[in-house]
Amino acid sequence: MTSKAEPINHQTIHPPETITILGGGQLGSMLCEAAKRMGYRTFCVSGHETDPVRRWADHHLIADPGEPATVARVARQSAILTVEAESIEPVALEAAANAQCRVAPSADVQRTVRDRRSEKMFLRDHGLAVGPFATVESAKQMREAAETLFAGGSKKLVAKTARGGYDGKGQRWIHSVTEAADAWEALGSTPLVVEGGIDFVAEASVIVARSADGRMTHFPMFQNEHRRGILFQTRMPGDFSSATAAQAIDLGRRTAEALGVVGLLAVEMFILPDGNVLINELAARPHNSGHVTMRAASRSQFEMHIAAICGLPLPEIHTLQPGVMTNLLGDLWAHGEPDFAKVLADGRGMIHLYGKSPRSGRKMGHMIHTAPTLAEAVQAANAAYEILESR
């Protein structure tokens, strides 16, 4: 499912060629770090000079990363162009492809995953396990969707803005048809996806790396815990049965193949009481849950994204030690700088800060704790978090 303007090119891109990254957040920063260690040059385009990519990019252009003319100009100097966020406009990727630059993910992939409506319909149309949903573009459709989903057996619904709204934003729970109109107005009378609430026992993610010639590899299945709609902790490997893990990995790989993604595809999932799996959302880029691989896996997700888009080998990925990634939000800075020295006294943990100014709910960094057993890693991670939270 590549952009029509983008020819499929299987030729390997070797260092020290230039990789352009559109977007300036922590994902872009960590992609730059991995690319530089692998010998590549990096060129990043983002809107602010203080964006995290400034710390690792060889060149940092302060400009709109979704503006086609700017992207086309940069693309002419690059071997390949990639993104760190769904917010990048697909027309910018088309402009890069028209400038004869390889683009991964393609404009078509970006167009699918940046809008929850197209994403849900893609999953349904390709027979990939997804829960009940309806797309909504008016107050009338909102009420009809609520009536249909409740009649179909859903006990509660969640309305989500079609675009944006990550980390718990842009969402509203609906417990009856009469609440549908209020939800439509509260979310800005904008296009939505309305989903039937899923009775899940755990949340998980699978990250697949896929190259332009169809080669694939995957990371072990992660187990995720969210708080206030924001990922709090990821455990690797997840505590799931072998049958559930096999089903989740197969679903992730089939989704990557159907989408035709080049690079990483993160597939967020719900685990049902019977062990079966449903897809929640997709991200055609590195993913927050994949940060745990920076210390717990034989390859990090950032290395594997660079390898996949450049056509390098995609080896089987092994767990080096059980690991736990814990997000650090700006709330921890409410009373000053957290006491990281106490956390670092435990050699099982590391801290990665992104260089951003703190505010409530903002992802400022993460910790990764590894240990011989997952239980030990969880204990170490939770003890460290309690130290930071106790200020």
Protein backbone atom coordinates (compact mmCIF):
# COMPACT_ATOMS: atom_id res chain seq x y z
CA MET A 1 0.00 0.00 0.00
CA THR A 2 2.61 2.50 -1.08
CA SER A 3 2.01 5.98 -2.39
CA LYS A 4 1.44 6.01 -6.15
CA ALA A 5 4.22 8.60 -6.47
CA GLU A 6 6.65 6.44 -4.54
CA PRO A 7 8.50 3.71 -6.46
CA ILE A 8 9.36 0.62 -4.44
CA ASN A 9 13.13 0.55 -3.97
CA HIS A 10 14.82 -2.41 -2.32
CA GLN A 11 18.37 -1.09 -2.61
CA THR A 12 20.18 -0.92 0.73
CA ILE A 13 20.99 2.55 2.04
CA HIS A 14 24.43 2.48 3.65
CA PRO A 15 26.11 4.91 6.07
CA PRO A 16 26.99 7.75 5.89
CA GLU A 17 23.90 8.58 3.80
CA THR A 18 21.45 11.16 5.19
CA ILE A 19 18.16 10.19 6.82
CA THR A 20 15.60 12.98 7.15
CA ILE A 21 13.16 12.80 10.07
CA LEU A 22 10.01 14.92 10.08
CA GLY A 23 9.05 15.93 13.62
CA GLY A 24 11.08 17.04 16.60
CA GLY A 25 9.90 15.13 19.66
CA GLN A 26 11.59 12.49 21.77
CA LEU A 27 10.90 9.75 19.23
CA GLY A 28 12.74 11.75 16.60
CA SER A 29 15.55 12.44 19.03
CA MET A 30 16.02 8.76 19.84
CA LEU A 31 15.86 7.87 16.14
CA CYS A 32 18.64 10.40 15.53
CA GLU A 33 20.72 8.89 18.33
CA ALA A 34 20.35 5.38 16.91
CA ALA A 35 21.05 6.51 13.35
CA LYS A 36 24.21 8.36 14.38
CA ARG A 37 25.53 5.32 16.25
CA MET A 38 24.88 3.29 13.10
CA GLY A 39 26.93 5.76 11.03
CA TYR A 40 24.17 7.76 9.30
CA ARG A 41 23.78 11.52 9.08
CA THR A 42 20.46 12.96 10.20
CA PHE A 43 18.47 15.98 9.08
CA CYS A 44 15.43 16.88 11.20
CA VAL A 45 12.62 19.29 10.43
CA SER A 46 10.53 20.56 13.34
CA GLY A 47 8.72 23.68 14.43
CA HIS A 48 10.77 24.80 17.43
CA GLU A 49 14.46 25.28 18.10
CA THR A 50 14.05 23.77 21.58
CA ASP A 51 12.62 20.46 20.31
CA PRO A 52 14.40 17.33 21.65
CA VAL A 53 15.87 16.45 18.22
CA ARG A 54 18.26 19.40 18.58
CA ARG A 55 20.46 17.29 20.83
CA TRP A 56 21.19 14.56 18.27
CA ALA A 57 20.43 15.81 14.76
CA ASP A 58 23.36 16.70 12.51
CA HIS A 59 21.14 19.38 10.96
CA HIS A 60 17.99 20.83 12.53
CA LEU A 61 15.76 22.96 10.30
CA ILE A 62 13.17 25.07 12.13
CA ALA A 63 10.20 24.87 9.78
CA ASP A 64 6.80 23.26 9.37
CA PRO A 65 7.50 19.51 8.84
CA GLY A 66 4.19 19.16 7.01
CA GLU A 67 4.79 21.89 4.42
CA PRO A 68 5.28 20.20 1.01
CA ALA A 69 7.69 22.70 -0.56
CA THR A 70 9.99 22.63 2.47
CA VAL A 71 9.92 18.85 2.67
CA ALA A 72 10.59 18.47 -1.05
CA ARG A 73 13.63 20.74 -0.80
CA VAL A 74 15.05 18.76 2.11
CA ALA A 75 14.21 15.42 0.48
CA ARG A 76 16.42 16.20 -2.52
CA GLN A 77 19.40 16.11 -0.15
CA SER A 78 18.38 12.86 1.57
CA ALA A 79 18.59 9.15 0.84
CA ILE A 80 15.37 8.42 2.73
CA LEU A 81 12.75 10.32 4.71
CA THR A 82 10.74 9.08 7.68
CA VAL A 83 8.42 10.48 10.36
CA GLU A 84 8.16 10.39 14.12
CA ALA A 85 4.46 11.29 14.40
CA GLU A 86 1.09 10.73 12.70
CA SER A 87 0.53 14.49 12.63
CA ILE A 88 2.78 14.90 9.57
CA GLU A 89 0.62 15.64 6.53
CA PRO A 90 0.59 12.89 3.87
CA VAL A 91 0.94 15.55 1.16
CA ALA A 92 4.39 16.32 2.59
CA LEU A 93 5.38 12.68 2.13
CA GLU A 94 4.02 12.75 -1.41
CA ALA A 95 6.15 15.82 -2.09
CA ALA A 96 9.24 13.99 -0.88
CA ALA A 97 8.44 10.96 -3.04
CA ASN A 98 7.94 13.22 -6.06
CA ALA A 99 11.39 14.65 -5.33
CA GLN A 100 12.75 11.11 -5.92
CA CYS A 101 13.45 10.47 -2.24
CA ARG A 102 12.52 7.17 -0.67
CA VAL A 103 9.80 7.62 1.94
CA ALA A 104 8.95 5.29 4.81
CA PRO A 105 6.19 5.04 5.84
CA SER A 106 4.51 5.98 2.57
CA ALA A 107 1.90 8.71 2.24
CA ASP A 108 -0.83 6.07 1.96
CA VAL A 109 0.25 4.36 5.17
CA GLN A 110 0.41 7.74 6.93
CA ARG A 111 -3.04 8.62 5.63
CA THR A 112 -4.45 5.39 7.07
CA VAL A 113 -2.92 5.50 10.54
CA ARG A 114 -3.35 9.24 11.25
CA ASP A 115 -7.15 9.04 11.18
CA ARG A 116 -8.99 6.63 13.46
CA ARG A 117 -11.82 6.30 10.95
CA SER A 118 -9.60 5.05 8.13
CA GLU A 119 -7.59 2.95 10.59
CA LYS A 120 -10.64 1.13 11.96
CA MET A 121 -12.10 0.59 8.50
CA PHE A 122 -8.76 -0.75 7.25
CA LEU A 123 -8.66 -3.31 10.06
CA ARG A 124 -12.27 -4.35 9.48
CA ASP A 125 -11.91 -4.58 5.71
CA HIS A 126 -8.80 -6.78 6.01
CA GLY A 127 -10.38 -9.20 8.48
CA LEU A 128 -8.09 -8.14 11.33
CA ALA A 129 -9.56 -8.53 14.82
CA VAL A 130 -11.10 -5.25 15.94
CA GLY A 131 -13.97 -4.41 18.29
CA PRO A 132 -17.34 -2.90 17.33
CA PHE A 133 -17.18 0.72 16.14
CA ALA A 134 -18.93 3.39 14.09
CA THR A 135 -17.65 6.50 12.33
CA VAL A 136 -19.47 9.73 13.10
CA GLU A 137 -19.55 13.09 11.31
CA SER A 138 -22.73 14.72 12.66
CA ALA A 139 -24.89 14.90 15.78
CA LYS A 140 -27.49 12.71 14.04
CA GLN A 141 -24.91 10.05 13.22
CA MET A 142 -23.66 10.24 16.81
CA ARG A 143 -27.06 9.27 18.19
CA GLU A 144 -27.51 6.55 15.55
CA ALA A 145 -24.08 5.11 16.36
CA ALA A 146 -24.87 5.03 20.07
CA GLU A 147 -28.22 3.33 19.46
CA THR A 148 -26.64 0.70 17.20
CA LEU A 149 -23.68 -0.09 19.45
CA PHE A 150 -25.77 -0.30 22.62
CA ALA A 151 -28.30 -2.50 20.80
CA GLY A 152 -25.41 -4.71 19.71
CA GLY A 153 -24.52 -5.49 23.31
CA SER A 154 -21.99 -2.81 24.28
CA LYS A 155 -22.46 -1.74 27.90
CA LYS A 156 -20.59 1.53 27.44
CA LEU A 157 -19.01 3.41 24.57
CA VAL A 158 -15.98 5.61 24.09
CA ALA A 159 -16.00 8.44 21.55
CA LYS A 160 -12.60 9.51 20.20
CA THR A 161 -11.67 12.35 17.89
CA ALA A 162 -10.73 10.98 14.48
CA ARG A 163 -7.37 12.74 14.59
CA GLY A 164 -5.00 13.60 17.42
CA GLY A 165 -6.17 13.14 20.97
CA TYR A 166 -3.47 10.77 22.20
CA ASP A 167 -2.55 10.14 25.86
CA GLY A 168 -6.16 10.23 27.01
CA LYS A 169 -7.09 13.52 25.33
CA GLY A 170 -9.94 13.86 22.87
CA GLN A 171 -11.99 11.04 24.40
CA ARG A 172 -15.35 10.82 26.15
CA TRP A 173 -17.12 7.85 27.73
CA ILE A 174 -20.83 7.35 26.97
CA HIS A 175 -23.04 5.27 29.24
CA SER A 176 -26.43 5.80 27.56
CA VAL A 177 -27.90 7.03 24.28
CA THR A 178 -28.95 10.27 25.99
CA GLU A 179 -25.29 11.10 26.67
CA ALA A 180 -24.37 10.91 22.97
CA ALA A 181 -25.32 14.51 22.16
CA ASP A 182 -23.30 15.88 25.07
CA ALA A 183 -20.28 13.84 23.99
CA TRP A 184 -20.55 15.16 20.42
CA GLU A 185 -20.53 18.76 21.67
CA ALA A 186 -17.86 18.17 24.34
CA LEU A 187 -15.47 16.81 21.71
CA GLY A 188 -15.93 19.85 19.50
CA SER A 189 -18.57 18.61 17.02
CA THR A 190 -15.77 17.11 14.96
CA PRO A 191 -15.47 13.74 13.17
CA LEU A 192 -15.25 10.85 15.64
CA VAL A 193 -14.90 7.13 16.02
CA VAL A 194 -17.29 5.63 18.55
CA GLU A 195 -16.17 2.27 19.92
CA GLY A 196 -17.94 -0.32 21.99
CA GLY A 197 -16.24 -0.58 25.38
CA ILE A 198 -14.05 -3.69 25.55
CA ASP A 199 -14.07 -5.89 28.65
CA PHE A 200 -10.33 -6.56 28.63
CA VAL A 201 -8.06 -8.05 31.29
CA ALA A 202 -4.82 -6.52 30.03
CA GLU A 203 -3.39 -4.13 27.45
CA ALA A 204 -0.50 -5.08 25.22
CA SER A 205 1.46 -4.08 22.16
CA VAL A 206 3.43 -5.82 19.44
CA ILE A 207 6.02 -3.97 17.38
CA VAL A 208 6.90 -5.33 13.94
CA ALA A 209 9.78 -4.17 11.73
CA ARG A 210 9.22 -4.58 7.98
CA SER A 211 11.47 -3.71 5.03
CA ALA A 212 10.48 -2.67 1.51
CA ASP A 213 11.07 -6.19 0.17
CA GLY A 214 8.65 -7.68 2.70
CA ARG A 215 11.12 -9.09 5.22
CA MET A 216 9.83 -8.86 8.80
CA THR A 217 10.89 -9.38 12.36
CA HIS A 218 9.13 -8.57 15.63
CA PHE A 219 9.80 -7.78 19.27
CA PRO A 220 8.47 -9.91 22.12
CA MET A 221 4.93 -9.03 23.19
CA PHE A 222 4.78 -6.15 25.69
CA GLN A 223 2.32 -5.76 28.56
CA ASN A 224 1.18 -2.17 29.17
CA GLU A 225 -0.41 -0.35 32.09
CA HIS A 226 -2.10 3.01 31.56
CA ARG A 227 -2.97 5.63 34.15
CA ARG A 228 -5.30 8.51 33.30
CA GLY A 229 -5.17 7.41 29.69
CA ILE A 230 -1.35 7.73 29.50
CA LEU A 231 1.04 4.80 29.33
CA PHE A 232 2.59 4.37 32.78
CA GLN A 233 4.59 1.18 32.52
CA THR A 234 5.58 -1.46 29.96
CA ARG A 235 6.79 -4.93 30.93
CA MET A 236 8.88 -7.13 28.63
CA PRO A 237 8.08 -9.92 28.20
CA GLY A 238 4.39 -9.65 29.00
CA ASP A 239 2.77 -12.12 31.37
CA PHE A 240 0.64 -13.89 28.78
CA SER A 241 0.07 -17.49 27.75
CA SER A 242 2.04 -18.80 24.81
CA ALA A 243 -1.20 -19.09 22.83
CA THR A 244 -2.13 -15.45 23.44
CA ALA A 245 1.39 -14.27 22.60
CA ALA A 246 1.40 -16.29 19.38
CA GLN A 247 -1.98 -14.89 18.38
CA ALA A 248 -0.90 -11.31 19.12
CA ILE A 249 2.37 -11.61 17.18
CA ASP A 250 0.60 -13.22 14.22
CA LEU A 251 -1.97 -10.42 14.25
CA GLY A 252 0.77 -7.79 14.36
CA ARG A 253 2.66 -9.33 11.46
CA ARG A 254 -0.48 -9.77 9.35
CA THR A 255 -1.40 -6.12 9.98
CA ALA A 256 2.05 -4.92 8.91
CA GLU A 257 1.86 -7.03 5.76
CA ALA A 258 -1.66 -5.87 4.87
CA LEU A 259 -0.71 -2.23 5.42
CA GLY A 260 2.51 -2.62 3.44
CA VAL A 261 4.36 -0.55 6.02
CA VAL A 262 8.11 0.05 5.71
CA GLY A 263 9.74 0.68 9.08
CA LEU A 264 8.06 -0.06 12.39
CA LEU A 265 4.42 -0.79 13.04
CA ALA A 266 3.26 -0.72 16.66
CA VAL A 267 -0.04 -2.53 17.21
CA GLU A 268 -1.79 -1.72 20.48
CA MET A 269 -4.08 -4.52 21.66
CA PHE A 270 -6.67 -5.56 24.22
CA ILE A 271 -6.39 -9.01 25.82
CA LEU A 272 -9.82 -10.53 26.46
CA PRO A 273 -10.76 -12.80 29.40
CA ASP A 274 -10.61 -15.87 27.12
CA GLY A 275 -7.06 -15.02 26.02
CA ASN A 276 -8.06 -13.77 22.58
CA VAL A 277 -6.78 -10.46 21.20
CA LEU A 278 -8.38 -7.37 19.63
CA ILE A 279 -6.51 -4.51 17.96
CA ASN A 280 -7.01 -1.09 19.52
CA GLU A 281 -4.80 1.32 17.54
CA LEU A 282 -1.83 1.44 15.16
CA ALA A 283 1.30 3.60 14.97
CA ALA A 284 3.60 3.44 11.93
CA ARG A 285 6.64 4.66 13.87
CA PRO A 286 8.52 3.89 17.09
CA HIS A 287 6.15 3.62 20.05
CA ASN A 288 6.30 4.61 23.69
CA SER A 289 5.98 0.98 24.83
CA GLY A 290 9.03 0.07 22.74
CA HIS A 291 11.39 2.20 24.84
CA VAL A 292 11.96 -0.85 27.06
CA THR A 293 13.92 -2.40 24.18
CA MET A 294 16.68 0.18 24.64
CA ARG A 295 18.04 -1.91 27.49
CA ALA A 296 16.15 -5.20 27.60
CA ALA A 297 16.46 -6.40 23.97
CA SER A 298 19.23 -7.40 21.59
CA ARG A 299 18.16 -4.49 19.32
CA SER A 300 16.29 -1.33 20.24
CA GLN A 301 13.14 -0.33 18.40
CA PHE A 302 14.98 2.73 17.07
CA GLU A 303 17.79 0.66 15.59
CA MET A 304 15.24 -1.63 13.97
CA HIS A 305 13.30 1.26 12.43
CA ILE A 306 16.52 2.57 10.85
CA ALA A 307 17.44 -0.95 9.70
CA ALA A 308 14.01 -1.56 8.17
CA ILE A 309 13.75 1.70 6.23
CA CYS A 310 17.34 1.39 4.97
CA GLY A 311 17.02 -2.25 3.89
CA LEU A 312 19.51 -3.64 6.40
CA PRO A 313 19.14 -7.17 7.85
CA LEU A 314 16.24 -7.72 10.26
CA PRO A 315 17.48 -10.42 12.64
CA GLU A 316 15.44 -12.24 15.25
CA ILE A 317 15.23 -10.11 18.40
CA HIS A 318 15.99 -11.64 21.79
CA THR A 319 15.19 -10.56 25.33
CA LEU A 320 18.50 -9.94 27.12
CA GLN A 321 16.85 -9.60 30.55
CA PRO A 322 13.28 -8.98 31.65
CA GLY A 323 12.68 -5.23 31.64
CA VAL A 324 10.25 -2.56 32.83
CA MET A 325 9.89 0.88 31.28
CA THR A 326 8.23 3.58 33.41
CA ASN A 327 7.19 6.93 31.96
CA LEU A 328 8.16 10.09 33.86
CA LEU A 329 5.55 12.84 33.50
CA GLY A 330 5.94 16.52 34.25
CA ASP A 331 3.89 16.16 37.45
CA LEU A 332 7.00 14.71 39.12
CA TRP A 333 8.65 18.15 38.74
CA ALA A 334 5.85 19.97 40.62
CA HIS A 335 8.10 20.55 43.66
CA GLY A 336 11.42 20.88 41.87
CA GLU A 337 13.87 18.53 40.22
CA PRO A 338 13.17 14.87 41.18
CA ASP A 339 15.83 13.06 43.21
CA PHE A 340 17.38 11.03 40.41
CA ALA A 341 20.54 10.34 42.43
CA LYS A 342 18.61 8.03 44.76
CA VAL A 343 17.09 6.21 41.81
CA LEU A 344 20.46 5.72 40.14
CA ALA A 345 21.89 4.19 43.33
CA ASP A 346 20.16 0.98 42.22
CA GLY A 347 22.24 -0.40 39.36
CA ARG A 348 19.26 -2.18 37.85
CA GLY A 349 17.84 1.08 36.52
CA MET A 350 18.66 3.83 34.03
CA ILE A 351 17.04 7.20 33.39
CA HIS A 352 16.54 8.84 30.00
CA LEU A 353 15.39 12.49 30.03
CA TYR A 354 14.23 14.21 26.85
CA GLY A 355 15.30 17.78 27.58
CA LYS A 356 11.79 19.27 27.68
CA SER A 357 10.35 21.87 30.03
CA PRO A 358 8.01 20.25 32.58
CA ARG A 359 4.25 20.54 32.66
CA SER A 360 1.51 18.30 34.01
CA GLY A 361 0.93 15.19 31.90
CA ARG A 362 3.90 15.85 29.61
CA LYS A 363 6.29 12.96 28.95
CA MET A 364 9.61 14.20 30.28
CA GLY A 365 11.55 10.96 30.12
CA HIS A 366 11.50 7.34 31.16
CA MET A 367 13.23 4.79 33.37
CA ILE A 368 14.17 1.26 32.36
CA HIS A 369 14.86 -1.39 34.99
CA THR A 370 16.19 -4.85 34.16
CA ALA A 371 16.73 -7.86 36.40
CA PRO A 372 17.09 -11.67 36.20
CA THR A 373 13.32 -12.02 36.68
CA LEU A 374 10.40 -9.83 35.67
CA ALA A 375 9.20 -9.71 39.29
CA GLU A 376 12.54 -8.24 40.38
CA ALA A 377 12.48 -5.68 37.57
CA VAL A 378 8.93 -4.63 38.50
CA GLN A 379 9.89 -4.31 42.17
CA ALA A 380 12.91 -2.16 41.31
CA ALA A 381 10.89 0.05 38.94
CA ASN A 382 8.09 0.62 41.43
CA ALA A 383 10.52 1.37 44.26
CA ALA A 384 12.29 3.93 42.07
CA TYR A 385 9.01 5.56 41.09
CA GLU A 386 7.95 5.83 44.73
CA ILE A 387 11.19 7.70 45.46
CA LEU A 388 10.48 10.20 42.69
CA GLU A 389 6.81 10.56 43.64
CA SER A 390 7.49 11.08 47.34
CA ARG A 391 8.86 14.64 46.95
